[in-house]
Amino acid sequence: MADALREVFNNFGGMPLGTAAPELPLARAPVKPAGSQRPYRTLFLSDIHLGTRACQAEHLLSFLREHEADTIYLVGDIIDFWALNRGIYWPASHNTFVQKILKLARHDVRVVFIPGNHDEALREYAGSQFGNIEIERETAHRTADGRRLLLVHGDEFDQIARCHRWVAVLGDISYNGLVRINVWLSWARRKLRRSGYWSLAGYAKKRIKGALEFIYGFEAAVAHYARQAGADGVVCGHIHSAVIKEVDGISYINCGDWVDSCTAIVEHWSGKLELVHWDEIEHAAAAASREAAATYSRADAA
């Protein structure tokens, strides 16, 4: 697989895999550069899971159209090789996302890819580039207001993923099942004109004691690692549980995912970090559009 990946990625152009990338800069201008037209300084995305039927690539593409930034961090599980090994699924929207990221990287957007456990085959290329995209095992980001954030995917702190691969694969299949059921539930809610977004997988995480204990333990372990590294905070993914919070004095930031919750972290030019629930925004916009259309129809009928 490694040789096949090398051939594919080298065909994208740019620095060949195996060539060392330059040292990653941590400090950047604390104010928006005069020449920048992009509304955001940084985007953090994780757990997109391209190659699965659960991946909501269309929503992600609409998010990217509304959220342009100077830097994009892809914090792991971008391509789901586990799923692709079970069967090939690669619709046009998944290819469009890959091409969009490559195009952004060619047009002065800094793109850094930190592979996760589902795309761990790419970890052997840490320190290399393809198509102007930097690949790193982990890295650090300096926010506009001076905070140093450690960036890791997070599977290193998941004992099941590390020590019991077959259990992790079984859990992955079960989770994807919940997400696919949720597609039908969302359709039914729209037909019943129920407002807002509701996640079956998210509901299970919040109601099952074992899941809650796992999430809290994961957050504590990641925060402890960031403190040992001398960081002010940590940005991660892996557990599909988006949040910005303080954990033992460390800023813990989880990007969430694009198979269920459709969430991302954005950094404003002030350095403020914001959690964006894109699915909720799209649902609200669609509801407002329907209400506006209904109001217009009533007014026209009168």
C-alpha atoms as a PDB file:
ATOM      1  CA  MET A   1       0.000   0.000   0.000  1.00  0.00           C
ATOM      2  CA  ALA A   2       2.834   2.410   0.836  1.00  0.00           C
ATOM      3  CA  ASP A   3       4.272   2.206  -2.711  1.00  0.00           C
ATOM      4  CA  ALA A   4       0.841   2.788  -4.243  1.00  0.00           C
ATOM      5  CA  LEU A   5       0.230   5.812  -2.030  1.00  0.00           C
ATOM      6  CA  ARG A   6       3.644   7.241  -2.895  1.00  0.00           C
ATOM      7  CA  GLU A   7       2.881   6.983  -6.627  1.00  0.00           C
ATOM      8  CA  VAL A   8      -0.574   8.567  -6.267  1.00  0.00           C
ATOM      9  CA  PHE A   9       0.600  11.478  -4.113  1.00  0.00           C
ATOM     10  CA  ASN A  10       3.664  12.212  -6.219  1.00  0.00           C
ATOM     11  CA  ASN A  11       1.338  12.558  -9.214  1.00  0.00           C
ATOM     12  CA  PHE A  12      -0.304  15.522  -7.476  1.00  0.00           C
ATOM     13  CA  GLY A  13       2.905  17.488  -8.028  1.00  0.00           C
ATOM     14  CA  GLY A  14       4.872  19.599  -5.583  1.00  0.00           C
ATOM     15  CA  MET A  15       7.587  18.242  -3.303  1.00  0.00           C
ATOM     16  CA  PRO A  16       7.976  14.455  -3.727  1.00  0.00           C
ATOM     17  CA  LEU A  17       7.166  12.269  -0.735  1.00  0.00           C
ATOM     18  CA  GLY A  18      10.244  11.502   1.233  1.00  0.00           C
ATOM     19  CA  THR A  19      11.588  15.052   0.899  1.00  0.00           C
ATOM     20  CA  ALA A  20      11.889  16.855   4.219  1.00  0.00           C
ATOM     21  CA  ALA A  21       9.539  19.794   4.681  1.00  0.00           C
ATOM     22  CA  PRO A  22      10.834  23.066   6.081  1.00  0.00           C
ATOM     23  CA  GLU A  23      10.494  23.667   9.802  1.00  0.00           C
ATOM     24  CA  LEU A  24       6.952  24.717  10.719  1.00  0.00           C
ATOM     25  CA  PRO A  25       6.710  28.347  11.824  1.00  0.00           C
ATOM     26  CA  LEU A  26       4.847  28.970  15.065  1.00  0.00           C
ATOM     27  CA  ALA A  27       4.623  32.739  15.099  1.00  0.00           C
ATOM     28  CA  ARG A  28       2.443  34.731  12.728  1.00  0.00           C
ATOM     29  CA  ALA A  29       1.237  38.318  12.600  1.00  0.00           C
ATOM     30  CA  PRO A  30      -1.312  38.957  15.399  1.00  0.00           C
ATOM     31  CA  VAL A  31      -3.449  41.156  13.130  1.00  0.00           C
ATOM     32  CA  LYS A  32      -5.006  40.518   9.747  1.00  0.00           C
ATOM     33  CA  PRO A  33      -2.452  41.276   6.994  1.00  0.00           C
ATOM     34  CA  ALA A  34      -3.464  44.190   4.788  1.00  0.00           C
ATOM     35  CA  GLY A  35      -3.470  42.037   1.659  1.00  0.00           C
ATOM     36  CA  SER A  36      -5.586  39.183   3.038  1.00  0.00           C
ATOM     37  CA  GLN A  37      -9.174  38.962   1.837  1.00  0.00           C
ATOM     38  CA  ARG A  38     -10.048  35.832   3.789  1.00  0.00           C
ATOM     39  CA  PRO A  39     -12.468  36.245   6.720  1.00  0.00           C
ATOM     40  CA  TYR A  40     -10.785  33.709   9.026  1.00  0.00           C
ATOM     41  CA  ARG A  41      -7.218  33.148  10.126  1.00  0.00           C
ATOM     42  CA  THR A  42      -7.347  29.365  10.650  1.00  0.00           C
ATOM     43  CA  LEU A  43      -9.678  26.389  10.155  1.00  0.00           C
ATOM     44  CA  PHE A  44      -9.362  23.124  12.084  1.00  0.00           C
ATOM     45  CA  LEU A  45     -11.110  20.079  10.564  1.00  0.00           C
ATOM     46  CA  SER A  46     -10.972  16.452  11.615  1.00  0.00           C
ATOM     47  CA  ASP A  47     -12.670  13.083  11.138  1.00  0.00           C
ATOM     48  CA  ILE A  48     -14.074  13.699   7.668  1.00  0.00           C
ATOM     49  CA  HIS A  49     -13.879   9.980   6.769  1.00  0.00           C
ATOM     50  CA  LEU A  50     -13.766  10.269   2.995  1.00  0.00           C
ATOM     51  CA  GLY A  51     -14.507   6.877   1.478  1.00  0.00           C
ATOM     52  CA  THR A  52     -17.492   6.146   3.715  1.00  0.00           C
ATOM     53  CA  ARG A  53     -21.202   6.553   3.019  1.00  0.00           C
ATOM     54  CA  ALA A  54     -21.544   8.458   6.285  1.00  0.00           C
ATOM     55  CA  CYS A  55     -19.195  11.262   5.182  1.00  0.00           C
ATOM     56  CA  GLN A  56     -21.162  14.469   4.660  1.00  0.00           C
ATOM     57  CA  ALA A  57     -18.866  15.922   2.016  1.00  0.00           C
ATOM     58  CA  GLU A  58     -21.575  18.123   0.484  1.00  0.00           C
ATOM     59  CA  HIS A  59     -22.084  19.907   3.811  1.00  0.00           C
ATOM     60  CA  LEU A  60     -18.325  20.260   4.212  1.00  0.00           C
ATOM     61  CA  LEU A  61     -17.971  21.820   0.772  1.00  0.00           C
ATOM     62  CA  SER A  62     -20.706  24.344   1.567  1.00  0.00           C
ATOM     63  CA  PHE A  63     -18.936  25.120   4.862  1.00  0.00           C
ATOM     64  CA  LEU A  64     -15.656  25.768   3.041  1.00  0.00           C
ATOM     65  CA  ARG A  65     -17.379  28.119   0.604  1.00  0.00           C
ATOM     66  CA  GLU A  66     -18.453  30.273   3.565  1.00  0.00           C
ATOM     67  CA  HIS A  67     -15.280  29.909   5.667  1.00  0.00           C
ATOM     68  CA  GLU A  68     -12.103  30.864   3.842  1.00  0.00           C
ATOM     69  CA  ALA A  69      -8.893  31.024   5.885  1.00  0.00           C
ATOM     70  CA  ASP A  70      -5.158  31.528   5.509  1.00  0.00           C
ATOM     71  CA  THR A  71      -4.360  28.194   7.201  1.00  0.00           C
ATOM     72  CA  ILE A  72      -6.218  24.880   7.274  1.00  0.00           C
ATOM     73  CA  TYR A  73      -5.301  22.063   9.645  1.00  0.00           C
ATOM     74  CA  LEU A  74      -6.619  18.588   8.775  1.00  0.00           C
ATOM     75  CA  VAL A  75      -6.453  16.861  12.155  1.00  0.00           C
ATOM     76  CA  GLY A  76      -6.680  13.209  11.165  1.00  0.00           C
ATOM     77  CA  ASP A  77      -9.083  10.592   9.780  1.00  0.00           C
ATOM     78  CA  ILE A  78      -9.538  12.602   6.609  1.00  0.00           C
ATOM     79  CA  ILE A  79      -9.500   9.479   4.414  1.00  0.00           C
ATOM     80  CA  ASP A  80     -10.945   6.289   5.908  1.00  0.00           C
ATOM     81  CA  PHE A  81      -8.683   3.492   4.699  1.00  0.00           C
ATOM     82  CA  TRP A  82     -10.417   1.076   7.098  1.00  0.00           C
ATOM     83  CA  ALA A  83     -13.676   1.528   5.187  1.00  0.00           C
ATOM     84  CA  LEU A  84     -11.970   1.494   1.792  1.00  0.00           C
ATOM     85  CA  ASN A  85     -10.398  -1.859   2.654  1.00  0.00           C
ATOM     86  CA  ARG A  86     -13.919  -3.223   3.222  1.00  0.00           C
ATOM     87  CA  GLY A  87     -15.200  -1.856  -0.086  1.00  0.00           C
ATOM     88  CA  ILE A  88     -14.563   1.048  -2.452  1.00  0.00           C
ATOM     89  CA  TYR A  89     -16.903   4.019  -2.111  1.00  0.00           C
ATOM     90  CA  TRP A  90     -15.709   7.308  -3.591  1.00  0.00           C
ATOM     91  CA  PRO A  91     -18.466   9.595  -4.941  1.00  0.00           C
ATOM     92  CA  ALA A  92     -17.850  12.813  -6.839  1.00  0.00           C
ATOM     93  CA  SER A  93     -18.271  14.983  -3.728  1.00  0.00           C
ATOM     94  CA  HIS A  94     -15.333  13.229  -2.028  1.00  0.00           C
ATOM     95  CA  ASN A  95     -13.139  13.833  -5.048  1.00  0.00           C
ATOM     96  CA  THR A  96     -14.308  17.451  -5.187  1.00  0.00           C
ATOM     97  CA  PHE A  97     -13.178  17.989  -1.586  1.00  0.00           C
ATOM     98  CA  VAL A  98      -9.705  16.569  -2.302  1.00  0.00           C
ATOM     99  CA  GLN A  99      -9.351  18.720  -5.413  1.00  0.00           C
ATOM    100  CA  LYS A 100     -10.533  21.807  -3.503  1.00  0.00           C
ATOM    101  CA  ILE A 101      -7.934  21.311  -0.774  1.00  0.00           C
ATOM    102  CA  LEU A 102      -5.195  20.826  -3.367  1.00  0.00           C
ATOM    103  CA  LYS A 103      -6.322  23.968  -5.181  1.00  0.00           C
ATOM    104  CA  LEU A 104      -6.307  25.985  -1.946  1.00  0.00           C
ATOM    105  CA  ALA A 105      -2.797  24.726  -1.158  1.00  0.00           C
ATOM    106  CA  ARG A 106      -1.641  25.939  -4.589  1.00  0.00           C
ATOM    107  CA  HIS A 107      -3.126  29.393  -3.943  1.00  0.00           C
ATOM    108  CA  ASP A 108      -1.210  30.469  -0.826  1.00  0.00           C
ATOM    109  CA  VAL A 109      -3.356  28.670   1.757  1.00  0.00           C
ATOM    110  CA  ARG A 110      -1.162  26.774   4.183  1.00  0.00           C
ATOM    111  CA  VAL A 111      -2.557  23.241   4.571  1.00  0.00           C
ATOM    112  CA  VAL A 112      -1.183  20.906   7.251  1.00  0.00           C
ATOM    113  CA  PHE A 113      -2.343  17.285   7.402  1.00  0.00           C
ATOM    114  CA  ILE A 114      -1.930  15.269  10.631  1.00  0.00           C
ATOM    115  CA  PRO A 115      -2.937  11.665   9.829  1.00  0.00           C
ATOM    116  CA  GLY A 116      -5.131   9.761  12.283  1.00  0.00           C
ATOM    117  CA  ASN A 117      -5.638   6.059  12.904  1.00  0.00           C
ATOM    118  CA  HIS A 118      -7.987   5.629   9.914  1.00  0.00           C
ATOM    119  CA  ASP A 119      -5.379   7.104   7.563  1.00  0.00           C
ATOM    120  CA  GLU A 120      -2.335   5.986   9.555  1.00  0.00           C
ATOM    121  CA  ALA A 121      -0.659   4.635   6.388  1.00  0.00           C
ATOM    122  CA  LEU A 122       0.298   8.247   5.676  1.00  0.00           C
ATOM    123  CA  ARG A 123       2.127   8.696   8.979  1.00  0.00           C
ATOM    124  CA  GLU A 124       5.296   7.253   7.501  1.00  0.00           C
ATOM    125  CA  TYR A 125       5.444  10.385   5.326  1.00  0.00           C
ATOM    126  CA  ALA A 126       5.538  12.791   8.286  1.00  0.00           C
ATOM    127  CA  GLY A 127       7.904  15.642   7.477  1.00  0.00           C
ATOM    128  CA  SER A 128       7.116  15.426   3.752  1.00  0.00           C
ATOM    129  CA  GLN A 129       4.868  17.347   1.382  1.00  0.00           C
ATOM    130  CA  PHE A 130       2.570  16.510  -1.513  1.00  0.00           C
ATOM    131  CA  GLY A 131       0.757  19.063  -3.607  1.00  0.00           C
ATOM    132  CA  ASN A 132       2.036  21.786  -1.202  1.00  0.00           C
ATOM    133  CA  ILE A 133       0.273  20.010   1.696  1.00  0.00           C
ATOM    134  CA  GLU A 134       2.505  19.461   4.730  1.00  0.00           C
ATOM    135  CA  ILE A 135       2.235  16.087   6.490  1.00  0.00           C
ATOM    136  CA  GLU A 136       3.101  16.039  10.185  1.00  0.00           C
ATOM    137  CA  ARG A 137       2.760  13.459  12.977  1.00  0.00           C
ATOM    138  CA  GLU A 138       1.865  16.335  15.300  1.00  0.00           C
ATOM    139  CA  THR A 139       2.552  20.056  15.237  1.00  0.00           C
ATOM    140  CA  ALA A 140       1.951  23.327  17.083  1.00  0.00           C
ATOM    141  CA  HIS A 141       0.004  26.451  16.179  1.00  0.00           C
ATOM    142  CA  ARG A 142       0.436  29.958  17.583  1.00  0.00           C
ATOM    143  CA  THR A 143      -2.870  31.834  17.744  1.00  0.00           C
ATOM    144  CA  ALA A 144      -3.128  35.533  16.931  1.00  0.00           C
ATOM    145  CA  ASP A 145      -3.350  36.328  20.658  1.00  0.00           C
ATOM    146  CA  GLY A 146      -0.156  34.370  21.416  1.00  0.00           C
ATOM    147  CA  ARG A 147      -1.390  31.012  22.715  1.00  0.00           C
ATOM    148  CA  ARG A 148       0.568  27.918  21.720  1.00  0.00           C
ATOM    149  CA  LEU A 149      -1.709  25.027  20.745  1.00  0.00           C
ATOM    150  CA  LEU A 150      -0.532  21.453  20.307  1.00  0.00           C
ATOM    151  CA  LEU A 151      -2.213  19.596  17.424  1.00  0.00           C
ATOM    152  CA  VAL A 152      -2.627  15.809  17.568  1.00  0.00           C
ATOM    153  CA  HIS A 153      -5.289  13.480  16.207  1.00  0.00           C
ATOM    154  CA  GLY A 154      -5.755  11.752  19.557  1.00  0.00           C
ATOM    155  CA  ASP A 155      -5.858   8.007  18.890  1.00  0.00           C
ATOM    156  CA  GLU A 156      -2.602   7.735  20.854  1.00  0.00           C
ATOM    157  CA  PHE A 157      -4.693   8.291  23.992  1.00  0.00           C
ATOM    158  CA  ASP A 158      -7.339   5.679  23.111  1.00  0.00           C
ATOM    159  CA  GLN A 159      -6.300   2.357  24.648  1.00  0.00           C
ATOM    160  CA  ILE A 160      -8.832   0.437  22.558  1.00  0.00           C
ATOM    161  CA  ALA A 161      -7.517   1.887  19.291  1.00  0.00           C
ATOM    162  CA  ARG A 162      -3.920   1.236  20.355  1.00  0.00           C
ATOM    163  CA  CYS A 163      -4.175  -2.228  21.892  1.00  0.00           C
ATOM    164  CA  HIS A 164      -7.364  -3.852  20.587  1.00  0.00           C
ATOM    165  CA  ARG A 165      -7.626  -3.088  16.871  1.00  0.00           C
ATOM    166  CA  TRP A 166     -10.437  -5.583  16.220  1.00  0.00           C
ATOM    167  CA  VAL A 167     -12.578  -4.007  18.944  1.00  0.00           C
ATOM    168  CA  ALA A 168     -11.951  -0.578  17.421  1.00  0.00           C
ATOM    169  CA  VAL A 169     -12.971  -1.844  13.965  1.00  0.00           C
ATOM    170  CA  LEU A 170     -16.138  -3.407  15.387  1.00  0.00           C
ATOM    171  CA  GLY A 171     -16.961  -0.170  17.171  1.00  0.00           C
ATOM    172  CA  ASP A 172     -16.350   1.770  13.965  1.00  0.00           C
ATOM    173  CA  ILE A 173     -18.820  -0.431  12.059  1.00  0.00           C
ATOM    174  CA  SER A 174     -21.418  -0.037  14.825  1.00  0.00           C
ATOM    175  CA  TYR A 175     -20.964   3.747  14.906  1.00  0.00           C
ATOM    176  CA  ASN A 176     -21.381   3.981  11.138  1.00  0.00           C
ATOM    177  CA  GLY A 177     -24.591   1.988  11.528  1.00  0.00           C
ATOM    178  CA  LEU A 178     -25.950   4.545  13.995  1.00  0.00           C
ATOM    179  CA  VAL A 179     -25.001   7.386  11.666  1.00  0.00           C
ATOM    180  CA  ARG A 180     -26.792   5.763   8.714  1.00  0.00           C
ATOM    181  CA  ILE A 181     -29.912   5.227  10.825  1.00  0.00           C
ATOM    182  CA  ASN A 182     -29.690   8.906  11.723  1.00  0.00           C
ATOM    183  CA  VAL A 183     -29.960   9.802   8.014  1.00  0.00           C
ATOM    184  CA  TRP A 184     -33.423   8.232   7.937  1.00  0.00           C
ATOM    185  CA  LEU A 185     -34.383   9.878  11.225  1.00  0.00           C
ATOM    186  CA  SER A 186     -33.337  13.268   9.847  1.00  0.00           C
ATOM    187  CA  TRP A 187     -35.462  12.671   6.763  1.00  0.00           C
ATOM    188  CA  ALA A 188     -38.464  11.793   8.955  1.00  0.00           C
ATOM    189  CA  ARG A 189     -37.937  14.891  11.120  1.00  0.00           C
ATOM    190  CA  ARG A 190     -37.888  17.104   8.022  1.00  0.00           C
ATOM    191  CA  LYS A 191     -41.108  15.541   6.776  1.00  0.00           C
ATOM    192  CA  LEU A 192     -42.696  16.195  10.176  1.00  0.00           C
ATOM    193  CA  ARG A 193     -41.297  19.763  10.090  1.00  0.00           C
ATOM    194  CA  ARG A 194     -39.390  19.227  13.336  1.00  0.00           C
ATOM    195  CA  SER A 195     -36.869  22.052  13.768  1.00  0.00           C
ATOM    196  CA  GLY A 196     -33.211  21.655  14.695  1.00  0.00           C
ATOM    197  CA  TYR A 197     -30.735  18.824  14.248  1.00  0.00           C
ATOM    198  CA  TRP A 198     -30.824  15.682  16.403  1.00  0.00           C
ATOM    199  CA  SER A 199     -28.072  13.066  16.457  1.00  0.00           C
ATOM    200  CA  LEU A 200     -28.725   9.458  17.461  1.00  0.00           C
ATOM    201  CA  ALA A 201     -25.001   8.789  17.888  1.00  0.00           C
ATOM    202  CA  GLY A 202     -24.605  11.977  19.926  1.00  0.00           C
ATOM    203  CA  TYR A 203     -27.566  11.015  22.101  1.00  0.00           C
ATOM    204  CA  ALA A 204     -26.001   7.600  22.759  1.00  0.00           C
ATOM    205  CA  LYS A 205     -22.683   9.204  23.748  1.00  0.00           C
ATOM    206  CA  LYS A 206     -24.365  11.474  26.281  1.00  0.00           C
ATOM    207  CA  ARG A 207     -26.610   8.804  27.802  1.00  0.00           C
ATOM    208  CA  ILE A 208     -24.335   5.756  28.030  1.00  0.00           C
ATOM    209  CA  LYS A 209     -22.204   5.897  31.161  1.00  0.00           C
ATOM    210  CA  GLY A 210     -19.281   4.006  29.625  1.00  0.00           C
ATOM    211  CA  ALA A 211     -19.150   6.413  26.693  1.00  0.00           C
ATOM    212  CA  LEU A 212     -19.119   9.428  29.003  1.00  0.00           C
ATOM    213  CA  GLU A 213     -16.343   7.948  31.131  1.00  0.00           C
ATOM    214  CA  PHE A 214     -14.309   7.238  27.988  1.00  0.00           C
ATOM    215  CA  ILE A 215     -14.724  10.824  26.744  1.00  0.00           C
ATOM    216  CA  TYR A 216     -13.761  12.359  30.104  1.00  0.00           C
ATOM    217  CA  GLY A 217     -10.734  10.060  30.396  1.00  0.00           C
ATOM    218  CA  PHE A 218      -9.658  10.903  26.854  1.00  0.00           C
ATOM    219  CA  GLU A 219      -9.939  14.648  27.482  1.00  0.00           C
ATOM    220  CA  ALA A 220      -7.874  14.400  30.671  1.00  0.00           C
ATOM    221  CA  ALA A 221      -5.154  12.339  28.989  1.00  0.00           C
ATOM    222  CA  VAL A 222      -4.852  14.694  26.013  1.00  0.00           C
ATOM    223  CA  ALA A 223      -4.763  17.769  28.274  1.00  0.00           C
ATOM    224  CA  HIS A 224      -2.042  16.151  30.424  1.00  0.00           C
ATOM    225  CA  TYR A 225       0.050  15.489  27.309  1.00  0.00           C
ATOM    226  CA  ALA A 226      -0.332  19.111  26.176  1.00  0.00           C
ATOM    227  CA  ARG A 227       0.754  20.384  29.591  1.00  0.00           C
ATOM    228  CA  GLN A 228       3.856  18.177  29.490  1.00  0.00           C
ATOM    229  CA  ALA A 229       4.653  19.620  26.058  1.00  0.00           C
ATOM    230  CA  GLY A 230       4.496  23.151  27.467  1.00  0.00           C
ATOM    231  CA  ALA A 231       1.439  24.101  25.421  1.00  0.00           C
ATOM    232  CA  ASP A 232      -1.417  26.402  26.445  1.00  0.00           C
ATOM    233  CA  GLY A 233      -3.960  24.161  24.771  1.00  0.00           C
ATOM    234  CA  VAL A 234      -4.531  21.213  22.479  1.00  0.00           C
ATOM    235  CA  VAL A 235      -6.552  20.696  19.296  1.00  0.00           C
ATOM    236  CA  CYS A 236      -7.565  17.123  18.496  1.00  0.00           C
ATOM    237  CA  GLY A 237     -10.272  14.933  17.000  1.00  0.00           C
ATOM    238  CA  HIS A 238     -10.758  11.140  17.063  1.00  0.00           C
ATOM    239  CA  ILE A 239     -13.728  10.790  19.439  1.00  0.00           C
ATOM    240  CA  HIS A 240     -16.269  12.749  17.342  1.00  0.00           C
ATOM    241  CA  SER A 241     -17.223  14.946  20.276  1.00  0.00           C
ATOM    242  CA  ALA A 242     -16.778  18.632  19.434  1.00  0.00           C
ATOM    243  CA  VAL A 243     -16.125  21.031  22.294  1.00  0.00           C
ATOM    244  CA  ILE A 244     -14.069  23.980  23.489  1.00  0.00           C
ATOM    245  CA  LYS A 245     -13.472  23.792  27.241  1.00  0.00           C
ATOM    246  CA  GLU A 246     -10.903  24.054  30.001  1.00  0.00           C
ATOM    247  CA  VAL A 247      -9.483  20.765  31.313  1.00  0.00           C
ATOM    248  CA  ASP A 248      -7.164  21.133  34.309  1.00  0.00           C
ATOM    249  CA  GLY A 249      -6.048  24.574  33.178  1.00  0.00           C
ATOM    250  CA  ILE A 250      -5.456  23.533  29.551  1.00  0.00           C
ATOM    251  CA  SER A 251      -7.626  24.697  26.649  1.00  0.00           C
ATOM    252  CA  TYR A 252      -9.068  21.468  25.253  1.00  0.00           C
ATOM    253  CA  ILE A 253     -10.426  21.864  21.716  1.00  0.00           C
ATOM    254  CA  ASN A 254     -11.990  18.965  19.811  1.00  0.00           C
ATOM    255  CA  CYS A 255     -12.953  19.541  16.180  1.00  0.00           C
ATOM    256  CA  GLY A 256     -15.756  16.968  16.119  1.00  0.00           C
ATOM    257  CA  ASP A 257     -16.487  15.249  12.806  1.00  0.00           C
ATOM    258  CA  TRP A 258     -18.149  15.371   9.374  1.00  0.00           C
ATOM    259  CA  VAL A 259     -20.050  12.093   9.527  1.00  0.00           C
ATOM    260  CA  ASP A 260     -22.559  13.080  12.169  1.00  0.00           C
ATOM    261  CA  SER A 261     -22.274  16.502  13.812  1.00  0.00           C
ATOM    262  CA  CYS A 262     -20.666  18.510  10.945  1.00  0.00           C
ATOM    263  CA  THR A 263     -18.512  20.673  13.219  1.00  0.00           C
ATOM    264  CA  ALA A 264     -15.290  22.632  12.857  1.00  0.00           C
ATOM    265  CA  ILE A 265     -13.136  25.055  14.821  1.00  0.00           C
ATOM    266  CA  VAL A 266     -12.407  28.476  13.331  1.00  0.00           C
ATOM    267  CA  GLU A 267      -9.881  31.049  14.517  1.00  0.00           C
ATOM    268  CA  HIS A 268     -10.840  34.678  14.042  1.00  0.00           C
ATOM    269  CA  TRP A 269      -8.192  37.319  13.322  1.00  0.00           C
ATOM    270  CA  SER A 270      -8.376  38.375  16.982  1.00  0.00           C
ATOM    271  CA  GLY A 271      -7.271  34.886  18.056  1.00  0.00           C
ATOM    272  CA  LYS A 272     -10.733  33.914  19.317  1.00  0.00           C
ATOM    273  CA  LEU A 273     -11.578  30.263  18.690  1.00  0.00           C
ATOM    274  CA  GLU A 274     -15.161  29.360  17.791  1.00  0.00           C
ATOM    275  CA  LEU A 275     -16.927  26.008  17.458  1.00  0.00           C
ATOM    276  CA  VAL A 276     -19.140  26.009  14.368  1.00  0.00           C
ATOM    277  CA  HIS A 277     -22.078  23.574  14.149  1.00  0.00           C
ATOM    278  CA  TRP A 278     -22.581  23.783  10.397  1.00  0.00           C
ATOM    279  CA  ASP A 279     -25.463  21.307  10.197  1.00  0.00           C
ATOM    280  CA  GLU A 280     -27.461  23.363  12.686  1.00  0.00           C
ATOM    281  CA  ILE A 281     -26.728  26.541  10.713  1.00  0.00           C
ATOM    282  CA  GLU A 282     -27.880  24.926   7.469  1.00  0.00           C
ATOM    283  CA  HIS A 283     -31.038  23.564   9.107  1.00  0.00           C
ATOM    284  CA  ALA A 284     -31.816  27.011  10.526  1.00  0.00           C
ATOM    285  CA  ALA A 285     -31.221  28.650   7.143  1.00  0.00           C
ATOM    286  CA  ALA A 286     -33.470  26.120   5.402  1.00  0.00           C
ATOM    287  CA  ALA A 287     -36.210  26.659   8.010  1.00  0.00           C
ATOM    288  CA  ALA A 288     -35.945  30.441   7.605  1.00  0.00           C
ATOM    289  CA  SER A 289     -36.168  30.039   3.828  1.00  0.00           C
ATOM    290  CA  ARG A 290     -39.297  27.892   4.124  1.00  0.00           C
ATOM    291  CA  GLU A 291     -40.893  30.376   6.522  1.00  0.00           C
ATOM    292  CA  ALA A 292     -40.080  33.275   4.193  1.00  0.00           C
ATOM    293  CA  ALA A 293     -41.603  31.386   1.256  1.00  0.00           C
ATOM    294  CA  ALA A 294     -44.726  30.607   3.273  1.00  0.00           C
ATOM    295  CA  THR A 295     -45.069  34.238   4.370  1.00  0.00           C
ATOM    296  CA  TYR A 296     -44.718  35.390   0.769  1.00  0.00           C
ATOM    297  CA  SER A 297     -47.356  32.874  -0.358  1.00  0.00           C
ATOM    298  CA  ARG A 298     -49.809  34.024   2.325  1.00  0.00           C
ATOM    299  CA  ALA A 299     -49.221  37.648   1.425  1.00  0.00           C
ATOM    300  CA  ASP A 300     -49.655  36.897  -2.275  1.00  0.00           C
ATOM    301  CA  ALA A 301     -52.886  34.994  -1.596  1.00  0.00           C
ATOM    302  CA  ALA A 302     -54.266  37.920   0.402  1.00  0.00           C
END
